[in-house]
Amino acid sequence: MVFSSARRVFGMILGVVLAASLAAPAEAQKRQNTVRFAYDQVPENVDPFFNNVRIGVIIAHQVWDTLIYRDPKTNEYKGQLATAWRWVDDKTLELDLRRGVKFHNGVEFSADDVVYTLNFVSNPANRSTTQSNVNWIERAEKVDSHKVRIITKRPFPAAIEYLAGPIVIHPAAYYEQVGPKGMNEKPVGSGPYRVVEHQIGRSITLQRNPDYFRDGPKPQPQIERIVIRFIPDRQTQVAEMLSGGLDFVMNIAPDQAQQMRAVPTLQIVSGGTMRIVFLNFATTERSPAPQLRDVRVRRAIAHAIDRQTMARQLVGEGSQLINAICFPAQFGCDASQAPVYEYNPAKAKELLAEAGFPNGFDIDLHSYRERNQAEAMINYLRAVGIRATLRFGQYAAMREQIRSNRAGMAHQTWGSFSINDVSASTPVYYKGLDDDISRDPKVIELLERGDSVTDPQQRIAAYREAHKIIIEQAYSVPLYNLVTFYAASKDLEFAAYPDELPRFWEMRWK
């Protein structure tokens, strides 16, 4: 299934650009040592604990630091705000903190910042957006000015991975004064870049932190300024790249990326990512789509979608099919016992008839990105009689509809906050938390066991059984992982990583 109209429009734009030679080298930005970057999502809050869209994760890693750093090339854990750590017992982690670190407001970093941040965000009353990232923390305690202990609610073997990922540290006094709202308006971190301007909903400008500590795992940044604009329409982003108005964009459609290789002032780089794509169904008694309570209907939807063709034609080289709601390389992502639903429209129609829907039914499909993929799924569903209508919007709005039981079927993507452990993927949607819309007690029990048992083989076994039930019951339709295509000015040096995280502190102009 192709969408030729969008391709024709893009082809005309590209032709005009090449004919007029508008895509001039970004020499002015190179001279000013600035990178202009655009993204199609708008973070609801720049505070990393109150955001779960990818652009928020990208900004977080530039502006804030974590206690531990995982090297993306070797997966080795290194000290960032912490210099050493040790397990005192199976629920107590002790960390020595780095001295001489300053936040962007000039305040010295200490144990007080770690204790306040972790105790605030792990308190359910404060409503951190993604509870699964912090709900394993019982409390943090100060040992001395540069030593802390983190006490977990239960044994949590993935703790180091989380402390190296989504859990940043805020300046305690400032955060206590302004809270998440104030942190969004005027962010203050300790990272390699500081925020100098935030036009909420429009743009955020970062400037190199001249006081960034020099003995950590992140190198001193070379780029002076990063201007990030929130441009929801990807065609507009592409047009600005072609005309020289931007220096760096990501998530370019595969066919557009191929055509853009003809532009001599650009470079196109691609790579597979950890971000998975799946359909998720509300199956409880509160579901707004009662048809989805019947497992035969859910299995019919799984058989109706040709995920192999979608991965090949719409995602591109580097995409692989997934058979569970996790990325295959994550620890514990074992789908070996889960069934696989082959593309079989006849079987889909048969199951619908058995469920009492021989003429299909009407339903909404909620989506927030990769619109062409959502439209392809709608076409597949209509081919078996399911008349799906696309409800497309920003992620925060879709998430609210799902959590308030106003969305029966959702086209989801999930990047696990770049955490290389299955506890950051499957449990988010199936362990009884806000985004769990199936609420299977056996699955919840198995995922809790997988998250907390310390023996690695027992963890894998628990996750394996949970994945089997989830797919047997067709609570979701696992599809594939996404491939990210980057377009950048040809003189900008950068690396593409599977975690979808542009590391601006590594970039430089040639």
Protein backbone atom coordinates (compact mmCIF):
# COMPACT_ATOMS: atom_id res chain seq x y z
CA MET A 1 0.00 0.00 0.00
CA VAL A 2 1.55 3.30 -1.07
CA PHE A 3 0.55 6.89 -0.65
CA SER A 4 1.46 8.33 -4.01
CA SER A 5 -0.06 11.79 -3.50
CA ALA A 6 2.38 12.69 -0.69
CA ARG A 7 5.25 11.38 -2.77
CA ARG A 8 4.18 13.45 -5.78
CA VAL A 9 4.02 16.61 -3.64
CA PHE A 10 7.45 15.92 -2.21
CA GLY A 11 8.84 15.18 -5.64
CA MET A 12 7.64 18.57 -6.88
CA ILE A 13 9.22 20.32 -3.88
CA LEU A 14 12.50 18.52 -4.43
CA GLY A 15 12.46 19.32 -8.13
CA VAL A 16 11.95 23.02 -7.50
CA VAL A 17 14.71 23.05 -4.89
CA LEU A 18 17.22 21.33 -7.14
CA ALA A 19 16.31 23.44 -10.14
CA ALA A 20 16.62 26.69 -8.20
CA SER A 21 19.69 25.57 -6.19
CA LEU A 22 18.02 26.78 -3.00
CA ALA A 23 19.62 24.17 -0.78
CA ALA A 24 22.78 26.14 -0.10
CA PRO A 25 25.36 24.95 2.44
CA ALA A 26 24.68 26.10 5.99
CA GLU A 27 27.82 28.24 6.02
CA ALA A 28 26.27 30.92 8.24
CA GLN A 29 25.35 28.38 10.90
CA LYS A 30 28.76 26.77 10.60
CA ARG A 31 30.41 30.16 11.19
CA GLN A 32 28.12 30.83 14.16
CA ASN A 33 28.70 27.27 15.43
CA THR A 34 24.93 26.74 15.66
CA VAL A 35 22.78 23.71 14.82
CA ARG A 36 19.10 24.27 13.96
CA PHE A 37 17.05 21.16 14.71
CA ALA A 38 13.31 20.50 14.27
CA TYR A 39 11.03 17.83 15.71
CA ASP A 40 7.38 17.03 15.06
CA GLN A 41 6.27 16.62 18.68
CA VAL A 42 5.81 19.25 21.37
CA PRO A 43 6.89 18.28 24.90
CA GLU A 44 4.05 18.82 27.35
CA ASN A 45 6.68 19.67 29.96
CA VAL A 46 10.45 19.91 29.52
CA ASP A 47 10.88 18.53 33.06
CA PRO A 48 11.94 14.94 32.21
CA PHE A 49 9.74 13.44 34.92
CA PHE A 50 6.61 15.05 33.48
CA ASN A 51 7.11 14.15 29.84
CA ASN A 52 7.19 10.90 27.89
CA VAL A 53 7.61 11.94 24.26
CA ARG A 54 10.93 11.46 22.48
CA ILE A 55 11.79 15.14 22.02
CA GLY A 56 11.54 15.55 25.80
CA VAL A 57 13.98 12.67 26.25
CA ILE A 58 16.35 14.26 23.73
CA ILE A 59 16.26 17.62 25.51
CA ALA A 60 16.68 15.96 28.92
CA HIS A 61 20.00 14.36 28.01
CA GLN A 62 21.43 17.69 26.83
CA VAL A 63 20.29 19.80 29.81
CA TRP A 64 20.48 17.41 32.77
CA ASP A 65 22.81 14.73 34.07
CA THR A 66 22.07 11.31 35.50
CA LEU A 67 23.89 9.61 38.35
CA ILE A 68 25.26 6.90 36.05
CA TYR A 69 26.04 6.92 32.32
CA ARG A 70 25.77 3.96 29.93
CA ASP A 71 28.21 4.20 27.05
CA PRO A 72 26.08 3.73 23.90
CA LYS A 73 28.94 2.02 22.06
CA THR A 74 30.07 -0.47 24.72
CA ASN A 75 27.04 -0.55 27.10
CA GLU A 76 29.55 -0.07 29.93
CA TYR A 77 28.26 1.82 32.98
CA LYS A 78 30.37 4.83 33.96
CA GLY A 79 30.15 7.42 36.70
CA GLN A 80 28.42 10.68 35.85
CA LEU A 81 27.05 12.57 38.87
CA ALA A 82 28.03 9.50 40.89
CA THR A 83 31.60 8.23 40.81
CA ALA A 84 31.06 4.82 42.43
CA TRP A 85 28.17 2.66 43.60
CA ARG A 86 27.61 -0.58 45.48
CA TRP A 87 24.73 -2.73 46.70
CA VAL A 88 24.72 -2.78 50.51
CA ASP A 89 21.94 -5.38 50.45
CA ASP A 90 19.36 -6.47 47.88
CA LYS A 91 17.29 -3.30 48.43
CA THR A 92 19.93 -0.68 49.30
CA LEU A 93 22.18 1.00 46.74
CA GLU A 94 24.88 3.36 47.99
CA LEU A 95 26.46 5.94 45.69
CA ASP A 96 29.48 8.24 46.04
CA LEU A 97 28.79 11.59 44.36
CA ARG A 98 31.04 13.70 42.18
CA ARG A 99 32.47 16.87 43.70
CA GLY A 100 32.88 20.18 41.90
CA VAL A 101 29.71 19.96 39.77
CA LYS A 102 27.64 23.13 39.35
CA PHE A 103 24.07 23.53 38.19
CA HIS A 104 23.35 26.12 35.51
CA ASN A 105 22.26 28.60 38.21
CA GLY A 106 25.68 28.37 39.86
CA VAL A 107 24.61 26.21 42.83
CA GLU A 108 26.99 23.40 43.83
CA PHE A 109 25.69 19.84 43.40
CA SER A 110 25.41 17.72 46.55
CA ALA A 111 23.56 14.82 48.16
CA ASP A 112 20.64 17.14 48.98
CA ASP A 113 19.82 17.41 45.27
CA VAL A 114 19.71 13.65 44.80
CA VAL A 115 17.60 13.07 47.91
CA TYR A 116 15.07 15.79 47.12
CA THR A 117 14.71 14.84 43.44
CA LEU A 118 14.24 11.11 44.01
CA ASN A 119 11.89 11.51 46.97
CA PHE A 120 9.77 14.04 45.10
CA VAL A 121 9.37 12.17 41.83
CA SER A 122 8.85 8.74 43.45
CA ASN A 123 5.99 10.07 45.58
CA PRO A 124 2.80 9.03 43.72
CA ALA A 125 1.05 12.17 44.97
CA ASN A 126 3.33 14.26 42.73
CA ARG A 127 2.08 12.43 39.61
CA SER A 128 5.28 11.83 37.67
CA THR A 129 4.10 11.09 34.14
CA THR A 130 5.79 7.72 33.73
CA GLN A 131 5.46 6.08 37.13
CA SER A 132 7.23 2.89 36.06
CA ASN A 133 10.52 4.81 35.83
CA VAL A 134 10.46 5.77 39.51
CA ASN A 135 7.92 3.63 41.38
CA TRP A 136 10.59 1.14 42.44
CA ILE A 137 12.15 3.77 44.73
CA GLU A 138 11.06 3.65 48.37
CA ARG A 139 13.17 6.63 49.42
CA ALA A 140 16.58 8.26 49.13
CA GLU A 141 18.70 9.07 52.18
CA LYS A 142 21.66 11.37 52.70
CA VAL A 143 24.73 9.72 54.24
CA ASP A 144 26.96 12.79 54.00
CA SER A 145 27.34 15.77 51.67
CA HIS A 146 28.47 13.55 48.77
CA LYS A 147 27.11 10.12 49.57
CA VAL A 148 23.53 8.84 49.31
CA ARG A 149 21.59 5.63 49.67
CA ILE A 150 18.63 4.63 47.53
CA ILE A 151 16.27 2.16 49.19
CA THR A 152 14.05 0.22 46.80
CA LYS A 153 10.55 -1.06 47.56
CA ARG A 154 11.59 -4.52 46.44
CA PRO A 155 14.69 -6.02 44.87
CA PHE A 156 15.03 -4.23 41.55
CA PRO A 157 17.94 -5.60 39.50
CA ALA A 158 17.45 -3.04 36.70
CA ALA A 159 18.08 -0.06 39.02
CA ILE A 160 21.49 0.83 37.54
CA GLU A 161 20.00 0.91 34.02
CA TYR A 162 17.26 3.32 35.15
CA LEU A 163 19.72 5.57 36.95
CA ALA A 164 21.66 5.72 33.67
CA GLY A 165 18.54 6.58 31.67
CA PRO A 166 15.44 8.62 32.49
CA ILE A 167 16.25 9.58 36.10
CA VAL A 168 17.97 12.98 36.04
CA ILE A 169 18.89 15.07 39.06
CA HIS A 170 17.40 18.53 39.69
CA PRO A 171 18.81 21.31 41.91
CA ALA A 172 16.87 20.80 45.15
CA ALA A 173 16.37 24.40 46.30
CA TYR A 174 15.27 25.60 42.86
CA TYR A 175 12.99 22.63 42.23
CA GLU A 176 11.38 22.98 45.63
CA GLN A 177 10.70 26.63 44.85
CA VAL A 178 9.35 26.38 41.28
CA GLY A 179 8.12 22.76 40.93
CA PRO A 180 7.56 20.99 37.59
CA LYS A 181 5.72 23.99 36.10
CA GLY A 182 8.57 26.36 36.84
CA MET A 183 11.15 23.81 35.72
CA ASN A 184 9.35 23.68 32.38
CA GLU A 185 9.30 27.45 32.01
CA LYS A 186 12.93 28.02 33.07
CA PRO A 187 14.80 24.70 33.11
CA VAL A 188 17.93 24.36 35.25
CA GLY A 189 20.14 21.28 35.07
CA SER A 190 23.83 20.45 35.26
CA GLY A 191 24.27 19.05 31.73
CA PRO A 192 26.52 20.06 28.81
CA TYR A 193 23.91 22.55 27.54
CA ARG A 194 21.86 25.13 29.39
CA VAL A 195 18.51 26.57 28.31
CA VAL A 196 18.73 30.24 27.35
CA GLU A 197 15.25 30.61 25.86
CA HIS A 198 12.06 28.53 25.96
CA GLN A 199 9.11 29.68 23.88
CA ILE A 200 6.63 27.11 25.15
CA GLY A 201 5.11 25.11 22.32
CA ARG A 202 7.33 26.76 19.71
CA SER A 203 11.07 26.41 20.38
CA ILE A 204 13.82 25.94 22.91
CA THR A 205 17.36 27.28 22.56
CA LEU A 206 20.35 25.63 24.23
CA GLN A 207 23.80 27.12 24.75
CA ARG A 208 27.04 25.35 25.61
CA ASN A 209 27.62 25.15 29.37
CA PRO A 210 31.02 26.79 29.98
CA ASP A 211 31.21 25.28 33.49
CA TYR A 212 30.52 21.67 32.54
CA PHE A 213 32.74 19.32 34.52
CA ARG A 214 35.62 17.85 32.53
CA ASP A 215 36.28 14.42 34.04
CA GLY A 216 32.92 12.80 33.22
CA PRO A 217 31.85 10.45 30.42
CA LYS A 218 30.28 13.18 28.27
CA PRO A 219 32.91 15.21 26.39
CA GLN A 220 32.94 18.98 26.41
CA PRO A 221 30.47 20.08 23.72
CA GLN A 222 31.86 21.64 20.54
CA ILE A 223 28.64 23.17 19.15
CA GLU A 224 27.91 26.57 20.76
CA ARG A 225 24.12 26.79 20.28
CA ILE A 226 21.30 24.36 19.52
CA VAL A 227 18.03 25.87 18.32
CA ILE A 228 15.21 23.32 18.57
CA ARG A 229 11.93 24.17 16.84
CA PHE A 230 8.70 22.22 17.26
CA ILE A 231 7.27 21.78 13.74
CA PRO A 232 4.42 19.23 13.72
CA ASP A 233 4.30 18.87 9.93
CA ARG A 234 7.17 16.76 8.61
CA GLN A 235 6.72 18.05 5.06
CA THR A 236 7.45 21.53 6.39
CA GLN A 237 10.58 20.21 8.12
CA VAL A 238 11.78 18.61 4.89
CA ALA A 239 11.08 21.77 2.90
CA GLU A 240 13.16 23.80 5.37
CA MET A 241 16.02 21.29 5.18
CA LEU A 242 15.96 21.57 1.39
CA SER A 243 15.95 25.36 1.47
CA GLY A 244 18.71 25.60 4.08
CA GLY A 245 16.48 26.73 6.97
CA LEU A 246 17.42 23.74 9.16
CA ASP A 247 20.61 21.80 9.75
CA PHE A 248 19.31 18.58 11.27
CA VAL A 249 16.04 16.61 11.29
CA MET A 250 15.10 13.02 12.04
CA ASN A 251 12.26 10.60 11.23
CA ILE A 252 12.29 11.36 7.51
CA ALA A 253 10.05 8.99 5.51
CA PRO A 254 12.12 6.31 3.69
CA ASP A 255 11.05 7.33 0.18
CA GLN A 256 11.75 11.00 0.91
CA ALA A 257 15.13 10.12 2.39
CA GLN A 258 16.03 8.26 -0.79
CA GLN A 259 15.12 11.28 -2.93
CA MET A 260 16.97 13.68 -0.63
CA ARG A 261 20.21 11.81 -1.28
CA ALA A 262 20.27 13.73 -4.58
CA VAL A 263 20.74 17.04 -2.74
CA PRO A 264 24.51 17.72 -2.70
CA THR A 265 24.43 19.89 0.44
CA LEU A 266 22.79 17.18 2.59
CA GLN A 267 23.77 13.86 4.11
CA ILE A 268 21.21 11.09 4.82
CA VAL A 269 21.98 8.61 7.61
CA SER A 270 19.74 5.77 8.79
CA GLY A 271 19.64 3.09 11.43
CA GLY A 272 17.32 0.72 13.27
CA THR A 273 16.07 1.90 16.65
CA MET A 274 14.75 0.49 19.91
CA ARG A 275 11.35 2.09 19.24
CA ILE A 276 8.68 -0.55 18.72
CA VAL A 277 5.28 -0.17 17.06
CA PHE A 278 2.13 -1.98 18.14
CA LEU A 279 -1.65 -1.80 18.28
CA ASN A 280 -3.07 -1.77 21.78
CA PHE A 281 -6.65 -2.70 22.74
CA ALA A 282 -8.87 -1.70 25.65
CA THR A 283 -10.37 -5.04 26.70
CA THR A 284 -11.89 -4.43 30.14
CA GLU A 285 -15.59 -3.94 30.89
CA ARG A 286 -14.98 -0.19 30.64
CA SER A 287 -13.76 -0.40 27.04
CA PRO A 288 -15.38 2.20 24.74
CA ALA A 289 -15.24 -0.43 21.95
CA PRO A 290 -17.11 -3.48 23.32
CA GLN A 291 -16.21 -5.53 20.23
CA LEU A 292 -12.62 -5.63 21.51
CA ARG A 293 -13.64 -7.62 24.58
CA ASP A 294 -13.91 -10.68 22.33
CA VAL A 295 -10.52 -12.31 21.81
CA ARG A 296 -11.63 -13.51 18.36
CA VAL A 297 -12.04 -9.90 17.24
CA ARG A 298 -8.59 -9.00 18.52
CA ARG A 299 -7.06 -12.00 16.78
CA ALA A 300 -8.89 -11.06 13.59
CA ILE A 301 -7.26 -7.64 13.69
CA ALA A 302 -3.87 -9.29 14.14
CA HIS A 303 -4.46 -11.49 11.08
CA ALA A 304 -5.75 -8.54 9.02
CA ILE A 305 -2.51 -6.51 9.06
CA ASP A 306 0.38 -7.30 6.73
CA ARG A 307 3.11 -6.13 9.05
CA GLN A 308 5.91 -7.56 6.86
CA THR A 309 4.88 -5.41 3.90
CA MET A 310 4.43 -2.37 6.14
CA ALA A 311 7.90 -2.82 7.62
CA ARG A 312 9.46 -3.18 4.19
CA GLN A 313 7.57 -0.46 2.30
CA LEU A 314 6.74 2.13 4.97
CA VAL A 315 9.51 1.76 7.55
CA GLY A 316 12.50 0.76 5.46
CA GLU A 317 15.67 -1.27 5.61
CA GLY A 318 16.69 -2.12 9.16
CA SER A 319 13.17 -2.69 10.45
CA GLN A 320 12.49 -6.11 11.96
CA LEU A 321 9.24 -7.74 13.02
CA ILE A 322 8.62 -8.07 16.76
CA ASN A 323 6.55 -10.77 18.45
CA ALA A 324 6.15 -9.20 21.89
CA ILE A 325 5.75 -5.69 23.26
CA CYS A 326 9.48 -5.14 23.77
CA PHE A 327 12.60 -4.63 21.69
CA PRO A 328 14.35 -7.97 21.02
CA ALA A 329 17.73 -6.79 22.34
CA GLN A 330 16.30 -5.75 25.72
CA PHE A 331 17.08 -8.08 28.59
CA GLY A 332 14.06 -10.34 29.14
CA CYS A 333 12.42 -9.84 25.73
CA ASP A 334 11.73 -13.52 25.12
CA ALA A 335 8.77 -14.22 22.82
CA SER A 336 9.76 -17.82 22.04
CA GLN A 337 6.51 -19.25 23.44
CA ALA A 338 4.19 -16.56 22.08
CA PRO A 339 2.06 -17.29 18.99
CA VAL A 340 2.63 -15.42 15.75
CA TYR A 341 -0.39 -14.21 13.77
CA GLU A 342 0.40 -14.48 10.08
CA TYR A 343 -1.20 -12.11 7.58
CA ASN A 344 -4.40 -13.92 6.61
CA PRO A 345 -7.43 -11.76 5.65
CA ALA A 346 -9.61 -14.85 5.11
CA LYS A 347 -8.88 -16.04 8.64
CA ALA A 348 -9.64 -12.55 9.94
CA LYS A 349 -13.07 -12.56 8.26
CA GLU A 350 -13.76 -16.05 9.61
CA LEU A 351 -12.96 -14.98 13.18
CA LEU A 352 -15.12 -11.85 12.85
CA ALA A 353 -18.05 -13.97 11.67
CA GLU A 354 -17.55 -16.38 14.60
CA ALA A 355 -17.60 -13.41 16.98
CA GLY A 356 -20.92 -12.22 15.54
CA PHE A 357 -19.60 -9.52 13.19
CA PRO A 358 -19.91 -10.99 9.68
CA ASN A 359 -20.39 -7.47 8.29
CA GLY A 360 -17.65 -5.95 10.42
CA PHE A 361 -18.13 -2.90 12.62
CA ASP A 362 -17.13 0.76 13.05
CA ILE A 363 -14.28 1.76 15.35
CA ASP A 364 -11.82 4.61 15.90
CA LEU A 365 -8.06 4.18 15.59
CA HIS A 366 -6.12 6.68 17.71
CA SER A 367 -2.64 7.63 16.56
CA TYR A 368 -0.07 10.38 17.11
CA ARG A 369 2.86 9.72 14.75
CA GLU A 370 3.77 7.74 11.62
CA ARG A 371 0.45 8.74 10.11
CA ASN A 372 1.15 6.83 6.90
CA GLN A 373 1.45 3.62 8.91
CA ALA A 374 -1.84 4.29 10.72
CA GLU A 375 -3.52 4.92 7.36
CA ALA A 376 -2.12 1.65 5.99
CA MET A 377 -3.54 -0.25 8.97
CA ILE A 378 -6.92 1.37 8.41
CA ASN A 379 -6.87 0.14 4.80
CA TYR A 380 -6.02 -3.39 5.92
CA LEU A 381 -8.81 -3.35 8.49
CA ARG A 382 -11.37 -2.06 6.01
CA ALA A 383 -10.42 -4.88 3.65
CA VAL A 384 -11.83 -7.39 6.19
CA GLY A 385 -14.88 -5.28 7.07
CA ILE A 386 -13.64 -3.28 10.06
CA ARG A 387 -14.43 0.34 9.23
CA ALA A 388 -11.78 2.22 11.18
CA THR A 389 -11.66 6.02 11.39
CA LEU A 390 -8.36 7.74 12.14
CA ARG A 391 -8.20 10.03 15.19
CA PHE A 392 -4.82 11.71 14.85
CA GLY A 393 -3.32 14.21 17.31
CA GLN A 394 -0.59 14.97 19.82
CA TYR A 395 0.57 12.17 22.11
CA ALA A 396 -0.48 13.81 25.40
CA ALA A 397 -4.07 14.09 24.19
CA MET A 398 -4.13 10.49 22.98
CA ARG A 399 -2.63 9.25 26.25
CA GLU A 400 -5.33 11.06 28.22
CA GLN A 401 -8.06 9.49 26.08
CA ILE A 402 -6.57 6.04 26.64
CA ARG A 403 -6.21 6.49 30.39
CA SER A 404 -9.76 7.79 30.72
CA ASN A 405 -11.21 4.85 28.72
CA ARG A 406 -12.18 6.94 25.69
CA ALA A 407 -9.93 5.11 23.19
CA GLY A 408 -10.53 1.47 22.36
CA MET A 409 -7.75 0.92 19.81
CA ALA A 410 -4.47 2.85 19.71
CA HIS A 411 -1.51 2.85 17.35
CA GLN A 412 1.34 3.08 19.84
CA THR A 413 5.09 3.44 19.63
CA TRP A 414 7.43 3.08 22.57
CA GLY A 415 11.15 3.77 22.89
CA SER A 416 11.53 2.56 26.51
CA PHE A 417 13.29 5.83 27.41
CA SER A 418 16.27 4.06 25.79
CA ILE A 419 16.43 1.63 28.74
CA ASN A 420 17.94 -1.70 27.69
CA ASP A 421 15.73 -3.82 29.97
CA VAL A 422 12.25 -5.24 29.33
CA SER A 423 11.00 -3.72 32.60
CA ALA A 424 10.92 -0.42 30.69
CA SER A 425 8.61 -1.70 27.96
CA THR A 426 6.08 -4.51 28.59
CA PRO A 427 5.24 -3.59 32.23
CA VAL A 428 4.42 0.00 31.24
CA TYR A 429 1.35 -1.30 29.39
CA TYR A 430 0.48 -4.51 31.27
CA LYS A 431 1.42 -4.25 34.96
CA GLY A 432 -1.67 -2.48 36.26
CA LEU A 433 -0.29 1.04 35.80
CA ASP A 434 -2.02 4.00 34.15
CA ASP A 435 -1.53 2.71 30.59
CA ASP A 436 -2.69 -0.86 31.27
CA ILE A 437 -6.05 -1.21 29.48
CA SER A 438 -6.29 -5.00 29.71
CA ARG A 439 -5.63 -5.50 33.44
CA ASP A 440 -4.93 -9.23 33.36
CA PRO A 441 -4.09 -10.26 36.97
CA LYS A 442 -1.86 -13.18 35.92
CA VAL A 443 0.14 -10.96 33.58
CA ILE A 444 0.51 -8.34 36.32
CA GLU A 445 1.78 -11.01 38.71
CA LEU A 446 4.31 -12.35 36.21
CA LEU A 447 5.63 -8.91 35.29
CA GLU A 448 5.99 -7.96 38.94
CA ARG A 449 8.02 -11.11 39.44
CA GLY A 450 10.16 -10.38 36.40
CA ASP A 451 10.83 -6.86 37.61
CA SER A 452 11.82 -7.85 41.15
CA VAL A 453 13.40 -11.31 41.28
CA THR A 454 17.20 -11.10 41.34
CA ASP A 455 18.02 -14.35 39.51
CA PRO A 456 18.39 -13.51 35.78
CA GLN A 457 16.98 -16.82 34.55
CA GLN A 458 13.93 -16.49 36.77
CA ARG A 459 13.40 -12.97 35.43
CA ILE A 460 13.53 -14.23 31.84
CA ALA A 461 11.13 -17.10 32.61
CA ALA A 462 8.58 -14.74 34.19
CA TYR A 463 8.72 -12.31 31.28
CA ARG A 464 8.50 -15.17 28.77
CA GLU A 465 5.27 -16.45 30.33
CA ALA A 466 3.81 -12.92 30.48
CA HIS A 467 4.57 -12.34 26.79
CA LYS A 468 2.93 -15.65 25.92
CA ILE A 469 -0.33 -14.70 27.66
CA ILE A 470 -0.37 -11.17 26.23
CA ILE A 471 -0.04 -12.43 22.67
CA GLU A 472 -2.29 -15.49 23.09
CA GLN A 473 -5.02 -13.17 24.36
CA ALA A 474 -4.16 -10.62 21.66
CA TYR A 475 -4.19 -7.73 24.12
CA SER A 476 -1.87 -6.13 21.57
CA VAL A 477 -0.66 -6.65 18.03
CA PRO A 478 3.15 -6.38 17.98
CA LEU A 479 4.32 -5.02 14.63
CA TYR A 480 7.97 -3.99 14.11
CA ASN A 481 10.66 -1.57 15.21
CA LEU A 482 11.14 1.79 13.56
CA VAL A 483 14.09 2.93 11.51
CA THR A 484 15.17 6.53 11.87
CA PHE A 485 16.33 8.43 8.80
CA TYR A 486 18.32 11.57 9.61
CA ALA A 487 18.89 14.44 7.22
CA ALA A 488 21.72 16.82 8.10
CA SER A 489 23.89 19.48 6.53
CA LYS A 490 26.78 17.67 4.86
CA ASP A 491 29.40 19.39 7.04
CA LEU A 492 27.81 18.40 10.36
CA GLU A 493 29.52 15.43 12.02
CA PHE A 494 27.21 13.23 14.10
CA ALA A 495 26.54 9.59 14.97
CA ALA A 496 23.18 7.77 14.78
CA TYR A 497 22.43 5.50 17.75
CA PRO A 498 19.69 2.86 18.21
CA ASP A 499 18.31 4.77 21.20
CA GLU A 500 17.13 7.66 18.93
CA LEU A 501 19.16 10.09 21.00
CA PRO A 502 21.10 12.75 19.07
CA ARG A 503 24.07 13.54 21.27
CA PHE A 504 24.67 17.18 20.44
CA TRP A 505 27.61 17.26 22.84
CA GLU A 506 29.41 14.88 20.40
CA MET A 507 28.59 16.85 17.23
CA ARG A 508 30.83 19.32 15.46
CA TRP A 509 31.08 21.20 12.19
CA LYS A 510 33.79 19.96 9.83
